Protein backbone atom coordinates (compact mmCIF):
# COMPACT_ATOMS: atom_id res chain seq x y z
CA MET A 1 91.77 130.13 99.75
CA ALA A 2 94.86 129.25 97.67
CA ILE A 3 96.48 127.59 100.69
CA ASP A 4 93.36 125.49 101.27
CA LEU A 5 93.32 124.48 97.61
CA LEU A 6 97.00 123.50 97.68
CA PHE A 7 96.47 121.52 100.89
CA ALA A 8 93.51 119.69 99.32
CA LEU A 9 95.54 118.98 96.19
CA LYS A 10 98.43 117.55 98.22
CA LEU A 11 96.05 115.49 100.34
CA ILE A 12 94.32 114.03 97.28
CA SER A 13 97.72 113.29 95.71
CA VAL A 14 98.98 111.58 98.89
CA LEU A 15 95.82 109.47 99.10
CA GLY A 16 96.05 108.58 95.40
CA CYS A 17 99.74 107.65 95.64
CA SER A 18 98.97 105.53 98.70
CA LEU A 19 96.05 103.79 97.02
CA ILE A 20 98.08 102.95 93.91
CA ALA A 21 101.04 101.83 96.04
CA GLY A 22 98.66 99.49 97.86
CA VAL A 23 97.28 98.01 94.64
CA PHE A 24 100.77 97.46 93.26
CA PHE A 25 101.98 96.10 96.62
CA ALA A 26 99.21 93.48 96.54
CA PHE A 27 100.42 92.33 93.13
CA SER A 28 104.06 92.21 94.23
CA ASN A 29 103.25 90.53 97.52
CA PHE A 30 100.76 87.82 96.62
CA VAL A 31 98.91 88.12 93.30
CA MET A 32 101.91 87.37 91.09
CA ASN A 33 103.03 84.59 93.45
CA ALA A 34 99.56 83.04 93.23
CA LEU A 35 99.58 83.26 89.44
CA ALA A 36 103.05 81.69 89.32
CA ARG A 37 101.74 78.69 91.27
CA LEU A 38 99.15 77.95 88.58
CA GLN A 39 99.84 75.93 85.48
CA PRO A 40 101.36 78.35 82.93
CA ALA A 41 98.30 78.33 80.68
CA GLN A 42 96.06 79.15 83.65
CA GLY A 43 98.40 81.88 84.91
CA ILE A 44 98.61 83.43 81.45
CA ALA A 45 94.85 83.36 80.99
CA ALA A 46 94.29 84.89 84.43
CA MET A 47 96.80 87.69 83.85
CA GLN A 48 95.38 88.36 80.39
CA SER A 49 91.98 88.78 82.04
CA ILE A 50 93.39 91.04 84.76
CA ASN A 51 95.08 93.21 82.13
CA ILE A 52 91.75 93.70 80.38
CA THR A 53 89.66 94.35 83.48
CA VAL A 54 92.15 96.78 85.06
CA ILE A 55 91.37 99.25 82.29
CA ASN A 56 88.20 100.56 83.90
CA PRO A 57 87.06 104.06 84.83
CA LEU A 58 87.59 103.73 88.58
CA PHE A 59 91.15 102.40 88.44
CA MET A 60 92.20 104.66 85.58
CA THR A 61 90.81 107.70 87.41
CA ALA A 62 92.80 106.79 90.52
CA PHE A 63 95.97 105.97 88.57
CA LEU A 64 95.98 108.85 86.08
CA GLY A 65 94.08 111.31 88.29
CA THR A 66 96.83 110.97 90.87
CA GLY A 67 99.30 111.80 88.12
CA VAL A 68 97.33 114.93 87.25
CA GLY A 69 97.30 115.87 90.93
CA CYS A 70 101.07 115.40 91.07
CA VAL A 71 101.53 117.64 88.01
CA PHE A 72 99.60 120.40 89.79
CA VAL A 73 101.56 119.85 93.01
CA ALA A 74 104.80 120.14 91.04
CA ILE A 75 103.64 123.31 89.26
CA SER A 76 102.53 124.89 92.52
CA SER A 77 105.91 123.96 93.99
CA LEU A 78 107.72 125.82 91.23
CA LEU A 79 105.86 128.96 92.26
CA LYS A 80 107.15 128.68 95.85
CA TRP A 81 110.89 128.09 95.52
CA GLN A 82 111.62 129.92 98.77
CA GLN A 83 109.84 127.29 100.90
CA ILE A 84 111.62 124.16 102.14
CA SER A 85 108.58 121.99 101.39
CA ILE A 86 109.18 122.47 97.66
CA THR A 87 111.83 119.76 97.74
CA TYR A 88 109.39 117.21 99.12
CA SER A 89 106.54 118.28 96.86
CA MET A 90 108.69 118.15 93.75
CA LEU A 91 110.37 114.89 94.73
CA GLY A 92 107.06 113.20 95.48
CA SER A 93 105.50 114.42 92.26
CA LEU A 94 108.44 113.26 90.16
CA LEU A 95 108.57 109.91 91.92
CA TYR A 96 104.95 109.25 91.03
CA LEU A 97 105.12 110.64 87.51
CA ILE A 98 108.38 108.96 86.51
CA GLY A 99 108.64 106.03 88.90
CA THR A 100 105.02 104.94 88.78
CA ILE A 101 103.36 106.19 85.59
CA GLY A 102 106.59 106.25 83.56
CA VAL A 103 107.65 102.74 84.62
CA THR A 104 104.14 101.47 83.90
CA LEU A 105 104.14 102.90 80.38
CA VAL A 106 107.72 101.97 79.49
CA PHE A 107 107.96 98.53 81.09
CA ASN A 108 104.74 96.98 82.42
CA VAL A 109 102.40 97.93 79.56
CA PRO A 110 104.69 96.54 76.80
CA LEU A 111 105.04 93.30 78.79
CA ASN A 112 101.25 93.14 79.11
CA GLU A 113 100.81 93.77 75.39
CA ALA A 114 103.26 90.97 74.53
CA LEU A 115 101.44 88.60 76.89
CA ALA A 116 98.08 89.51 75.35
CA LYS A 117 99.26 88.18 71.98
CA VAL A 118 100.18 84.67 73.11
CA GLU A 119 98.03 81.59 73.18
CA PRO A 120 98.11 80.49 76.83
CA SER A 121 98.70 76.79 76.11
CA SER A 122 101.41 77.26 73.45
CA ALA A 123 105.10 76.54 73.99
CA ASP A 124 105.82 80.17 73.12
CA GLY A 125 103.27 81.22 75.74
CA ILE A 126 105.03 79.21 78.44
CA LYS A 127 108.42 80.74 77.56
CA ILE A 128 107.00 84.26 77.54
CA TRP A 129 105.19 83.58 80.83
CA THR A 130 108.38 82.56 82.63
CA ASP A 131 110.16 85.75 81.53
CA TYR A 132 107.02 87.82 82.11
CA LEU A 133 106.69 86.75 85.74
CA ALA A 134 110.23 87.84 86.58
CA ASP A 135 110.35 91.02 84.49
CA TRP A 136 106.84 92.31 85.22
CA THR A 137 107.19 91.65 88.95
CA PHE A 138 110.56 93.43 89.09
CA TRP A 139 109.13 96.54 87.45
CA ASN A 140 106.04 96.31 89.63
CA HIS A 141 108.31 96.38 92.71
CA MET A 142 109.89 99.55 91.32
CA ARG A 143 106.61 101.33 90.74
CA THR A 144 105.27 100.18 94.12
CA GLY A 145 108.27 101.71 95.87
CA ALA A 146 108.01 104.88 93.82
CA ALA A 147 104.30 105.36 94.63
CA PHE A 148 104.93 104.69 98.33
CA ALA A 149 107.90 107.08 98.43
CA ALA A 150 105.85 109.69 96.55
CA ALA A 151 103.12 109.47 99.18
CA ALA A 152 105.72 109.89 101.94
CA ALA A 153 107.43 112.84 100.28
CA ILE A 154 104.23 114.74 99.53
CA SER A 155 103.07 114.03 103.08
CA LEU A 156 106.23 115.61 104.42
CA ALA A 157 105.60 118.66 102.24
């Protein structure tokens, strides 16, 4: 029974990491490029809208629920130090928790909050937008890679 529960927990965590990696990959691959092609005021307004609508029960459950799953995978790994799979379980969990959730909270969210305060058509808005595109996209690449690597590591476990 415990083995089945641990397997299910790892499977759910792998699927969650993969789903979030896919969402973030879409932003890194084409959403941010599309927004950058718009006039700055339009790009700012679109991203401000995205940042509001992303905070919804379905996305937040996938994003944070995967984090909870990874916490339980990490805890269960600590109880099984003698098994080789612990390395992959722990690595994957930490990659998601630090590299995906941590990066989001420390880098992407503050950038989103700063963007939310600007008037899209202002000169200050245009300056912030230019920096935002580069900085936000860089950190999004980091959390995309972390979520993808987390899915791979937990899969190997």
